[in-house]
Amino acid sequence: MPTYEYECKKCGHRFEKFQQITQAPLKSCPKCHGRLKRLIGTGGGIIFKGSGFYATDYRNKKYHDDKQSAEKACDKTCPSCPLEKDKKSGNKT
């Protein structure tokens, strides 16, 4: 539910109100019953913390198990080995 900010035109009282989007804006100040003006808000901030923001964070357990099995089975002697290329270039897959 969005938070709307209001300011009274009469007394200058500012406050926030949780309202549904479909609700009509408030019209009278809770302090002096003067007319209200709904202010344009900046919106909520987004904070990115921890893992979960990269495609590799969403891969399933089977993918990781298959990758480990391939790394163990590969002798890395073939010139076109993708595992060896990734290690040389510094890419993580």
N, C-alpha and C. Protein backbone atom coordinates (compact mmCIF):
# COMPACT_ATOMS: atom_id res chain seq x y z
N MET A 1 0.85 -1.16 0.00
CA MET A 1 0.00 0.00 0.00
C MET A 1 0.90 1.24 0.00
N PRO A 2 0.64 2.18 -0.90
CA PRO A 2 1.49 3.36 -0.99
C PRO A 2 1.31 4.33 0.17
N THR A 3 2.33 5.10 0.40
CA THR A 3 2.31 6.15 1.41
C THR A 3 2.21 7.49 0.68
N TYR A 4 1.22 8.26 1.06
CA TYR A 4 1.04 9.59 0.46
C TYR A 4 1.38 10.65 1.49
N GLU A 5 1.96 11.75 1.03
CA GLU A 5 2.31 12.85 1.92
C GLU A 5 1.36 14.01 1.64
N TYR A 6 0.89 14.60 2.72
CA TYR A 6 -0.05 15.72 2.62
C TYR A 6 0.50 16.93 3.37
N GLU A 7 0.05 18.12 2.91
CA GLU A 7 0.39 19.37 3.59
C GLU A 7 -0.88 20.22 3.67
N CYS A 8 -1.13 20.76 4.85
CA CYS A 8 -2.29 21.63 5.05
C CYS A 8 -1.97 23.02 4.49
N LYS A 9 -2.89 23.55 3.70
CA LYS A 9 -2.71 24.89 3.13
C LYS A 9 -2.91 25.98 4.18
N LYS A 10 -3.64 25.65 5.25
CA LYS A 10 -3.95 26.66 6.28
C LYS A 10 -2.86 26.74 7.36
N CYS A 11 -2.54 25.60 7.97
CA CYS A 11 -1.60 25.62 9.10
C CYS A 11 -0.20 25.10 8.75
N GLY A 12 -0.04 24.50 7.56
CA GLY A 12 1.28 24.01 7.14
C GLY A 12 1.64 22.63 7.70
N HIS A 13 0.72 21.99 8.43
CA HIS A 13 0.98 20.66 9.01
C HIS A 13 1.24 19.66 7.88
N ARG A 14 2.34 18.91 8.01
CA ARG A 14 2.69 17.87 7.03
C ARG A 14 2.61 16.51 7.70
N PHE A 15 2.06 15.54 6.97
CA PHE A 15 1.97 14.18 7.50
C PHE A 15 1.88 13.20 6.35
N GLU A 16 2.10 11.92 6.69
CA GLU A 16 2.01 10.83 5.73
C GLU A 16 0.81 9.97 6.06
N LYS A 17 0.24 9.34 5.04
CA LYS A 17 -0.92 8.48 5.24
C LYS A 17 -0.81 7.28 4.31
N PHE A 18 -0.97 6.07 4.87
CA PHE A 18 -1.04 4.85 4.07
C PHE A 18 -2.44 4.76 3.49
N GLN A 19 -2.53 4.68 2.17
CA GLN A 19 -3.83 4.59 1.50
C GLN A 19 -3.73 3.66 0.31
N GLN A 20 -4.85 3.05 -0.02
CA GLN A 20 -4.91 2.26 -1.24
C GLN A 20 -4.90 3.22 -2.43
N ILE A 21 -4.43 2.73 -3.55
CA ILE A 21 -4.36 3.55 -4.75
C ILE A 21 -5.76 4.01 -5.17
N THR A 22 -6.75 3.17 -4.94
CA THR A 22 -8.12 3.48 -5.37
C THR A 22 -8.83 4.45 -4.44
N GLN A 23 -8.29 4.72 -3.26
CA GLN A 23 -8.93 5.64 -2.33
C GLN A 23 -8.77 7.09 -2.80
N ALA A 24 -9.79 7.89 -2.51
CA ALA A 24 -9.74 9.31 -2.85
C ALA A 24 -8.76 10.02 -1.91
N PRO A 25 -8.11 11.08 -2.38
CA PRO A 25 -7.19 11.83 -1.52
C PRO A 25 -7.94 12.45 -0.34
N LEU A 26 -7.22 12.61 0.78
CA LEU A 26 -7.81 13.28 1.94
C LEU A 26 -8.06 14.74 1.62
N LYS A 27 -9.09 15.31 2.26
CA LYS A 27 -9.46 16.70 1.94
C LYS A 27 -9.28 17.66 3.10
N SER A 28 -9.33 17.17 4.36
CA SER A 28 -9.23 18.11 5.49
C SER A 28 -8.11 17.71 6.44
N CYS A 29 -7.46 18.72 7.00
CA CYS A 29 -6.35 18.55 7.92
C CYS A 29 -6.84 17.96 9.24
N PRO A 30 -6.13 16.96 9.81
CA PRO A 30 -6.54 16.40 11.08
C PRO A 30 -6.37 17.36 12.26
N LYS A 31 -5.55 18.40 12.10
CA LYS A 31 -5.33 19.36 13.19
C LYS A 31 -6.32 20.54 13.14
N CYS A 32 -6.40 21.22 11.97
CA CYS A 32 -7.20 22.45 11.91
C CYS A 32 -8.39 22.34 10.95
N HIS A 33 -8.54 21.22 10.30
CA HIS A 33 -9.62 20.97 9.34
C HIS A 33 -9.54 21.87 8.11
N GLY A 34 -8.35 22.42 7.84
CA GLY A 34 -8.13 23.21 6.63
C GLY A 34 -7.98 22.29 5.42
N ARG A 35 -7.89 22.89 4.24
CA ARG A 35 -7.75 22.12 3.00
C ARG A 35 -6.35 21.54 2.88
N LEU A 36 -6.29 20.32 2.35
CA LEU A 36 -5.02 19.62 2.18
C LEU A 36 -4.57 19.63 0.73
N LYS A 37 -3.28 19.54 0.57
CA LYS A 37 -2.67 19.39 -0.74
C LYS A 37 -1.83 18.11 -0.69
N ARG A 38 -2.09 17.20 -1.63
CA ARG A 38 -1.28 15.97 -1.66
C ARG A 38 0.01 16.27 -2.42
N LEU A 39 1.11 15.96 -1.79
CA LEU A 39 2.44 16.26 -2.35
C LEU A 39 2.93 15.11 -3.21
N ILE A 40 3.81 15.43 -4.11
CA ILE A 40 4.42 14.40 -4.95
C ILE A 40 5.57 13.80 -4.16
N GLY A 41 5.50 12.50 -3.93
CA GLY A 41 6.54 11.82 -3.14
C GLY A 41 7.69 11.35 -4.01
N THR A 42 8.78 11.04 -3.35
CA THR A 42 9.96 10.55 -4.06
C THR A 42 9.91 9.04 -4.26
N GLY A 43 9.00 8.37 -3.61
CA GLY A 43 8.93 6.92 -3.73
C GLY A 43 9.87 6.24 -2.77
N GLY A 44 9.76 4.94 -2.70
CA GLY A 44 10.62 4.17 -1.80
C GLY A 44 11.95 3.88 -2.45
N GLY A 45 12.97 3.82 -1.65
CA GLY A 45 14.29 3.48 -2.15
C GLY A 45 14.46 1.98 -2.24
N ILE A 46 15.30 1.55 -3.14
CA ILE A 46 15.60 0.13 -3.30
C ILE A 46 17.02 -0.10 -2.81
N ILE A 47 17.17 -1.05 -1.94
CA ILE A 47 18.49 -1.37 -1.41
C ILE A 47 18.83 -2.79 -1.83
N PHE A 48 19.94 -2.95 -2.52
CA PHE A 48 20.40 -4.27 -2.94
C PHE A 48 21.44 -4.75 -1.95
N LYS A 49 21.08 -5.82 -1.22
CA LYS A 49 22.01 -6.40 -0.26
C LYS A 49 22.14 -7.90 -0.53
N GLY A 50 23.29 -8.41 -0.32
CA GLY A 50 23.50 -9.85 -0.38
C GLY A 50 23.49 -10.41 -1.79
N SER A 51 23.40 -11.72 -1.88
CA SER A 51 23.42 -12.37 -3.18
C SER A 51 22.00 -12.41 -3.74
N GLY A 52 21.90 -12.84 -4.98
CA GLY A 52 20.59 -12.97 -5.60
C GLY A 52 20.32 -11.98 -6.71
N PHE A 53 21.35 -11.25 -7.16
CA PHE A 53 21.13 -10.25 -8.18
C PHE A 53 21.83 -10.57 -9.49
N TYR A 54 22.38 -11.75 -9.61
CA TYR A 54 23.04 -12.15 -10.83
C TYR A 54 22.43 -13.45 -11.32
N ALA A 55 22.50 -13.69 -12.62
CA ALA A 55 21.92 -14.90 -13.20
C ALA A 55 22.50 -16.16 -12.56
N THR A 56 23.77 -16.12 -12.21
CA THR A 56 24.40 -17.30 -11.63
C THR A 56 23.88 -17.60 -10.22
N ASP A 57 23.33 -16.60 -9.55
CA ASP A 57 22.79 -16.83 -8.21
C ASP A 57 21.48 -17.61 -8.25
N TYR A 58 20.83 -17.63 -9.40
CA TYR A 58 19.53 -18.30 -9.51
C TYR A 58 19.63 -19.69 -10.11
N ARG A 59 20.81 -20.11 -10.48
CA ARG A 59 20.95 -21.44 -11.08
C ARG A 59 20.65 -22.50 -10.03
N ASN A 60 20.10 -23.61 -10.52
CA ASN A 60 19.68 -24.67 -9.60
C ASN A 60 20.86 -25.54 -9.16
N LYS A 61 20.60 -26.37 -8.18
CA LYS A 61 21.63 -27.24 -7.60
C LYS A 61 22.16 -28.23 -8.63
N LYS A 62 21.31 -28.73 -9.51
CA LYS A 62 21.74 -29.69 -10.53
C LYS A 62 22.81 -29.08 -11.44
N TYR A 63 22.66 -27.80 -11.80
CA TYR A 63 23.65 -27.13 -12.63
C TYR A 63 25.02 -27.14 -11.95
N HIS A 64 25.04 -26.78 -10.68
CA HIS A 64 26.30 -26.73 -9.94
C HIS A 64 26.92 -28.12 -9.77
N ASP A 65 26.07 -29.13 -9.51
CA ASP A 65 26.56 -30.50 -9.38
C ASP A 65 27.15 -31.00 -10.70
N ASP A 66 26.47 -30.72 -11.83
CA ASP A 66 26.96 -31.13 -13.14
C ASP A 66 28.29 -30.45 -13.47
N LYS A 67 28.41 -29.19 -13.11
CA LYS A 67 29.64 -28.45 -13.38
C LYS A 67 30.81 -29.04 -12.60
N GLN A 68 30.58 -29.37 -11.33
CA GLN A 68 31.64 -29.96 -10.51
C GLN A 68 32.04 -31.32 -11.05
N SER A 69 31.06 -32.10 -11.50
CA SER A 69 31.38 -33.42 -12.07
C SER A 69 32.21 -33.27 -13.33
N ALA A 70 31.87 -32.30 -14.17
CA ALA A 70 32.62 -32.08 -15.41
C ALA A 70 34.04 -31.63 -15.10
N GLU A 71 34.21 -30.79 -14.11
CA GLU A 71 35.55 -30.33 -13.74
C GLU A 71 36.41 -31.47 -13.22
N LYS A 72 35.81 -32.37 -12.46
CA LYS A 72 36.57 -33.50 -11.92
C LYS A 72 36.95 -34.49 -13.02
N ALA A 73 36.04 -34.70 -14.00
CA ALA A 73 36.27 -35.67 -15.06
C ALA A 73 37.20 -35.15 -16.15
N CYS A 74 37.30 -33.86 -16.31
CA CYS A 74 38.09 -33.26 -17.39
C CYS A 74 39.57 -33.31 -17.03
N ASP A 75 40.39 -33.77 -18.00
CA ASP A 75 41.83 -33.77 -17.76
C ASP A 75 42.49 -32.49 -18.27
N LYS A 76 41.72 -31.61 -18.92
CA LYS A 76 42.14 -30.29 -19.38
C LYS A 76 43.33 -30.35 -20.35
N THR A 77 43.46 -31.45 -21.06
CA THR A 77 44.55 -31.56 -22.03
C THR A 77 44.10 -31.18 -23.43
N CYS A 78 42.81 -31.14 -23.66
CA CYS A 78 42.35 -30.78 -25.00
C CYS A 78 42.50 -29.26 -25.20
N PRO A 79 42.96 -28.84 -26.39
CA PRO A 79 43.18 -27.41 -26.61
C PRO A 79 41.90 -26.57 -26.60
N SER A 80 40.77 -27.20 -26.85
CA SER A 80 39.51 -26.45 -26.88
C SER A 80 38.72 -26.61 -25.59
N CYS A 81 39.38 -26.98 -24.50
CA CYS A 81 38.69 -27.21 -23.22
C CYS A 81 38.11 -25.88 -22.70
N PRO A 82 36.77 -25.79 -22.55
CA PRO A 82 36.16 -24.54 -22.07
C PRO A 82 36.54 -24.24 -20.62
N LEU A 83 36.79 -25.27 -19.82
CA LEU A 83 37.17 -25.03 -18.43
C LEU A 83 38.55 -24.38 -18.34
N GLU A 84 39.47 -24.82 -19.20
CA GLU A 84 40.81 -24.26 -19.19
C GLU A 84 40.81 -22.82 -19.72
N LYS A 85 39.98 -22.56 -20.75
CA LYS A 85 39.89 -21.21 -21.30
C LYS A 85 39.36 -20.24 -20.25
N ASP A 86 38.36 -20.66 -19.49
CA ASP A 86 37.78 -19.79 -18.48
C ASP A 86 38.80 -19.46 -17.38
N LYS A 87 39.63 -20.42 -17.03
CA LYS A 87 40.62 -20.17 -15.99
C LYS A 87 41.69 -19.19 -16.48
N LYS A 88 42.09 -19.30 -17.78
CA LYS A 88 43.10 -18.40 -18.33
C LYS A 88 42.56 -16.98 -18.44
N SER A 89 41.29 -16.86 -18.85
CA SER A 89 40.72 -15.51 -19.05
C SER A 89 40.23 -14.89 -17.75
N GLY A 90 40.10 -15.70 -16.72
CA GLY A 90 39.63 -15.17 -15.43
C GLY A 90 38.12 -15.16 -15.30
N ASN A 91 37.39 -15.68 -16.29
CA ASN A 91 35.94 -15.74 -16.23
C ASN A 91 35.47 -16.81 -15.27
N LYS A 92 34.40 -16.52 -14.56
CA LYS A 92 33.79 -17.52 -13.69
C LYS A 92 32.50 -17.97 -14.34
N THR A 93 32.33 -19.29 -14.47
CA THR A 93 31.07 -19.80 -15.03
C THR A 93 30.31 -20.57 -14.03
